[in-house]
Amino acid sequence: ARASRKLPVTLVSDNNTSVMVYRVGKLGQFQQTQLQLTPGDYVVVGRCEGYRDARKTLRVRPDMEAVAPFEIRCTEKI
């Protein structure tokens, strides 16, 4: 039952980076948004023109009560 329970996840960005979460979809640009995710590993990709893409893995585990805010933003200029 815990493995199928969705947990709230807050994603934080810089309002310039276009964010996509594989297996979820494109989220666009935002300062902060909240998702409900089932436990698992999610690849989060941020894209911004003139910057290297940012790619991170978000791990959501069934034993978590809350997931810490997850930051994704492009910071490395090309």
C-alpha atoms as a PDB file:
ATOM      1  CA  ALA A   1       0.000   0.000   0.000  1.00  0.00           C
ATOM      2  CA  ARG A   2       2.856   2.413   0.803  1.00  0.00           C
ATOM      3  CA  ALA A   3       4.506   1.764  -2.579  1.00  0.00           C
ATOM      4  CA  SER A   4       1.472   3.045  -4.488  1.00  0.00           C
ATOM      5  CA  ARG A   5       0.829   6.064  -2.251  1.00  0.00           C
ATOM      6  CA  LYS A   6       1.600   9.394  -3.937  1.00  0.00           C
ATOM      7  CA  LEU A   7       3.841  11.812  -2.071  1.00  0.00           C
ATOM      8  CA  PRO A   8       3.954  15.601  -2.460  1.00  0.00           C
ATOM      9  CA  VAL A   9       7.165  16.849  -4.095  1.00  0.00           C
ATOM     10  CA  THR A  10       8.079  20.532  -4.445  1.00  0.00           C
ATOM     11  CA  LEU A  11      10.260  21.502  -7.402  1.00  0.00           C
ATOM     12  CA  VAL A  12      12.109  24.815  -7.244  1.00  0.00           C
ATOM     13  CA  SER A  13      13.606  26.577 -10.285  1.00  0.00           C
ATOM     14  CA  ASP A  14      14.587  30.079 -11.446  1.00  0.00           C
ATOM     15  CA  ASN A  15      11.665  30.952 -13.757  1.00  0.00           C
ATOM     16  CA  ASN A  16      14.109  30.859 -16.737  1.00  0.00           C
ATOM     17  CA  THR A  17      14.808  27.125 -16.930  1.00  0.00           C
ATOM     18  CA  SER A  18      12.300  24.958 -18.803  1.00  0.00           C
ATOM     19  CA  VAL A  19      11.799  21.827 -16.694  1.00  0.00           C
ATOM     20  CA  MET A  20      10.772  18.334 -17.771  1.00  0.00           C
ATOM     21  CA  VAL A  21      10.324  15.249 -15.573  1.00  0.00           C
ATOM     22  CA  TYR A  22      10.609  11.949 -17.471  1.00  0.00           C
ATOM     23  CA  ARG A  23       7.534   9.707 -16.984  1.00  0.00           C
ATOM     24  CA  VAL A  24       5.556  12.816 -15.910  1.00  0.00           C
ATOM     25  CA  GLY A  25       5.875  15.441 -18.656  1.00  0.00           C
ATOM     26  CA  LYS A  26       6.958  18.980 -19.472  1.00  0.00           C
ATOM     27  CA  LEU A  27       6.353  21.435 -16.647  1.00  0.00           C
ATOM     28  CA  GLY A  28       7.697  24.591 -18.304  1.00  0.00           C
ATOM     29  CA  GLN A  29       9.201  27.532 -16.425  1.00  0.00           C
ATOM     30  CA  PHE A  30       8.350  28.273 -12.805  1.00  0.00           C
ATOM     31  CA  GLN A  31       9.710  29.481  -9.466  1.00  0.00           C
ATOM     32  CA  GLN A  32       8.063  26.654  -7.543  1.00  0.00           C
ATOM     33  CA  THR A  33       5.558  23.926  -8.351  1.00  0.00           C
ATOM     34  CA  GLN A  34       4.188  20.891  -6.554  1.00  0.00           C
ATOM     35  CA  LEU A  35       3.688  17.362  -7.909  1.00  0.00           C
ATOM     36  CA  GLN A  36       2.198  14.188  -6.467  1.00  0.00           C
ATOM     37  CA  LEU A  37       4.561  11.313  -7.320  1.00  0.00           C
ATOM     38  CA  THR A  38       4.506   7.600  -6.586  1.00  0.00           C
ATOM     39  CA  PRO A  39       7.752   6.148  -5.181  1.00  0.00           C
ATOM     40  CA  GLY A  40      10.511   5.645  -7.725  1.00  0.00           C
ATOM     41  CA  ASP A  41      13.378   7.399  -9.462  1.00  0.00           C
ATOM     42  CA  TYR A  42      12.601  10.328 -11.750  1.00  0.00           C
ATOM     43  CA  VAL A  43      15.024  12.061 -14.123  1.00  0.00           C
ATOM     44  CA  VAL A  44      14.515  15.830 -14.041  1.00  0.00           C
ATOM     45  CA  VAL A  45      15.972  17.874 -16.911  1.00  0.00           C
ATOM     46  CA  GLY A  46      16.282  21.640 -17.103  1.00  0.00           C
ATOM     47  CA  ARG A  47      16.972  23.492 -20.351  1.00  0.00           C
ATOM     48  CA  CYS A  48      17.789  27.148 -20.913  1.00  0.00           C
ATOM     49  CA  GLU A  49      19.183  28.768 -24.055  1.00  0.00           C
ATOM     50  CA  GLY A  50      22.874  29.646 -23.674  1.00  0.00           C
ATOM     51  CA  TYR A  51      23.337  27.236 -20.745  1.00  0.00           C
ATOM     52  CA  ARG A  52      24.289  23.585 -20.414  1.00  0.00           C
ATOM     53  CA  ASP A  53      21.323  21.320 -19.675  1.00  0.00           C
ATOM     54  CA  ALA A  54      20.924  20.365 -16.023  1.00  0.00           C
ATOM     55  CA  ARG A  55      20.044  16.728 -15.311  1.00  0.00           C
ATOM     56  CA  LYS A  56      19.366  15.305 -11.855  1.00  0.00           C
ATOM     57  CA  THR A  57      17.720  12.217 -10.413  1.00  0.00           C
ATOM     58  CA  LEU A  58      14.880  12.697  -7.956  1.00  0.00           C
ATOM     59  CA  ARG A  59      14.441   9.708  -5.652  1.00  0.00           C
ATOM     60  CA  VAL A  60      11.060   9.250  -3.989  1.00  0.00           C
ATOM     61  CA  ARG A  61      10.955   6.395  -1.483  1.00  0.00           C
ATOM     62  CA  PRO A  62       7.838   4.805   0.048  1.00  0.00           C
ATOM     63  CA  ASP A  63       9.122   5.258   3.622  1.00  0.00           C
ATOM     64  CA  MET A  64       9.435   9.051   3.217  1.00  0.00           C
ATOM     65  CA  GLU A  65       6.865  11.177   4.966  1.00  0.00           C
ATOM     66  CA  ALA A  66       7.887  14.275   3.009  1.00  0.00           C
ATOM     67  CA  VAL A  67      10.337  14.932   0.204  1.00  0.00           C
ATOM     68  CA  ALA A  68      12.718  17.879   0.621  1.00  0.00           C
ATOM     69  CA  PRO A  69      12.323  20.650  -2.000  1.00  0.00           C
ATOM     70  CA  PHE A  70      14.162  19.631  -5.176  1.00  0.00           C
ATOM     71  CA  GLU A  71      16.085  22.362  -7.045  1.00  0.00           C
ATOM     72  CA  ILE A  72      16.672  22.269 -10.780  1.00  0.00           C
ATOM     73  CA  ARG A  73      18.149  25.175 -12.749  1.00  0.00           C
ATOM     74  CA  CYS A  74      20.712  25.745 -15.479  1.00  0.00           C
ATOM     75  CA  THR A  75      23.751  27.584 -14.138  1.00  0.00           C
ATOM     76  CA  GLU A  76      26.681  26.665 -16.401  1.00  0.00           C
ATOM     77  CA  LYS A  77      27.033  29.010 -19.399  1.00  0.00           C
ATOM     78  CA  ILE A  78      28.143  27.547 -22.712  1.00  0.00           C
END
